[in-house]
Protein backbone atom coordinates (compact mmCIF):
# COMPACT_ATOMS: atom_id res chain seq x y z
CA MET A 1 0.03 0.04 0.02
CA LEU A 2 1.32 3.41 -0.85
CA SER A 3 2.05 5.66 2.02
CA SER A 4 -0.05 8.69 2.42
CA SER A 5 3.16 10.49 3.64
CA SER A 6 4.43 10.35 0.18
CA PRO A 7 5.86 13.68 -1.03
CA PRO A 8 3.47 15.83 -3.24
CA HIS A 9 4.21 15.82 -6.87
CA ASP A 10 3.44 17.86 -9.95
CA GLU A 11 3.53 15.18 -12.68
CA LEU A 12 3.13 11.37 -12.47
CA LEU A 13 4.82 8.83 -14.72
CA ASP A 14 3.59 5.32 -14.79
CA ALA A 15 6.55 3.38 -16.23
CA ARG A 16 5.31 0.03 -14.75
CA GLY A 17 5.99 -2.95 -17.08
CA LEU A 18 8.80 -1.08 -19.04
CA MET A 19 12.19 -2.33 -19.05
CA CYS A 20 15.55 -0.50 -19.14
CA PRO A 21 16.18 2.02 -20.67
CA MET A 22 12.55 3.15 -21.07
CA PRO A 23 11.78 4.24 -17.55
CA VAL A 24 14.62 6.68 -17.64
CA LEU A 25 13.83 7.83 -21.12
CA LYS A 26 10.23 8.46 -20.25
CA ALA A 27 11.31 10.38 -17.13
CA LYS A 28 13.50 12.56 -19.17
CA LYS A 29 10.56 13.36 -21.47
CA ALA A 30 8.10 13.80 -18.53
CA LEU A 31 10.49 16.29 -16.83
CA ARG A 32 9.96 18.64 -19.87
CA ASN A 33 6.49 19.27 -18.43
CA VAL A 34 7.65 19.96 -14.90
CA LYS A 35 8.60 23.49 -13.91
CA THR A 36 11.90 24.09 -12.20
CA GLY A 37 11.52 23.03 -8.58
CA GLY A 38 8.54 20.86 -9.43
CA ILE A 39 8.47 17.13 -8.53
CA LEU A 40 8.01 14.27 -10.96
CA LYS A 41 6.78 10.90 -9.37
CA VAL A 42 7.84 7.87 -11.26
CA LEU A 43 6.43 4.44 -10.70
CA ALA A 44 8.49 1.52 -12.26
CA THR A 45 8.90 -2.32 -11.96
CA ASP A 46 12.28 -2.77 -13.51
CA PRO A 47 14.78 -3.53 -10.76
CA GLY A 48 17.44 -1.95 -12.88
CA SER A 49 15.63 1.43 -12.64
CA VAL A 50 17.07 1.90 -9.15
CA ALA A 51 20.56 2.42 -10.41
CA ASP A 52 19.31 4.02 -13.58
CA MET A 53 17.34 6.80 -11.85
CA LYS A 54 20.14 7.61 -9.61
CA SER A 55 22.62 7.88 -12.43
CA PHE A 56 20.13 9.85 -14.62
CA CYS A 57 19.73 12.39 -11.72
CA GLU A 58 23.46 12.75 -11.22
CA MET A 59 24.08 13.28 -14.98
CA THR A 60 21.27 15.75 -15.47
CA GLY A 61 21.65 17.79 -12.27
CA ASN A 62 18.15 16.93 -11.01
CA HIS A 63 17.63 15.83 -7.44
CA LEU A 64 16.43 12.39 -6.55
CA LEU A 65 14.39 13.15 -3.40
CA SER A 66 13.33 9.59 -2.72
CA SER A 67 13.69 6.14 -3.89
CA ASP A 68 11.24 3.63 -2.33
CA GLN A 69 9.84 0.24 -2.99
CA ASP A 70 6.25 -0.98 -2.48
CA GLY A 71 6.03 -4.67 -3.37
CA ASP A 72 7.39 -4.97 -6.90
CA VAL A 73 6.85 -1.24 -7.68
CA PHE A 74 9.84 1.22 -7.39
CA ILE A 75 8.65 4.71 -6.48
CA TYR A 76 10.88 7.77 -7.32
CA HIS A 77 10.36 11.48 -6.54
CA ILE A 78 12.67 13.73 -8.77
CA GLU A 79 13.00 17.46 -8.26
CA LYS A 80 13.70 19.26 -11.41
CA SER A 81 16.71 21.42 -10.88
CA THR A 82 17.18 23.13 -14.29
CA ASP A 83 15.31 23.66 -17.53
């Protein structure tokens, strides 16, 4: 069950069922719709997305606020740092 204490978000990306590198590519595209300082919430089922999202944020300068797991779903909150 998803926690109600989950950080608020401006945009939701459901990447469940997609395999590497699609969750990261879709997150990159979805971040275009998020204003600087806004939050993108990503849902993914690919275990490889854990390392991929961390690397993606480090390379793009965005901030990975949280990386959680709920059953087989990985939940990420990414703060857009730059346009």
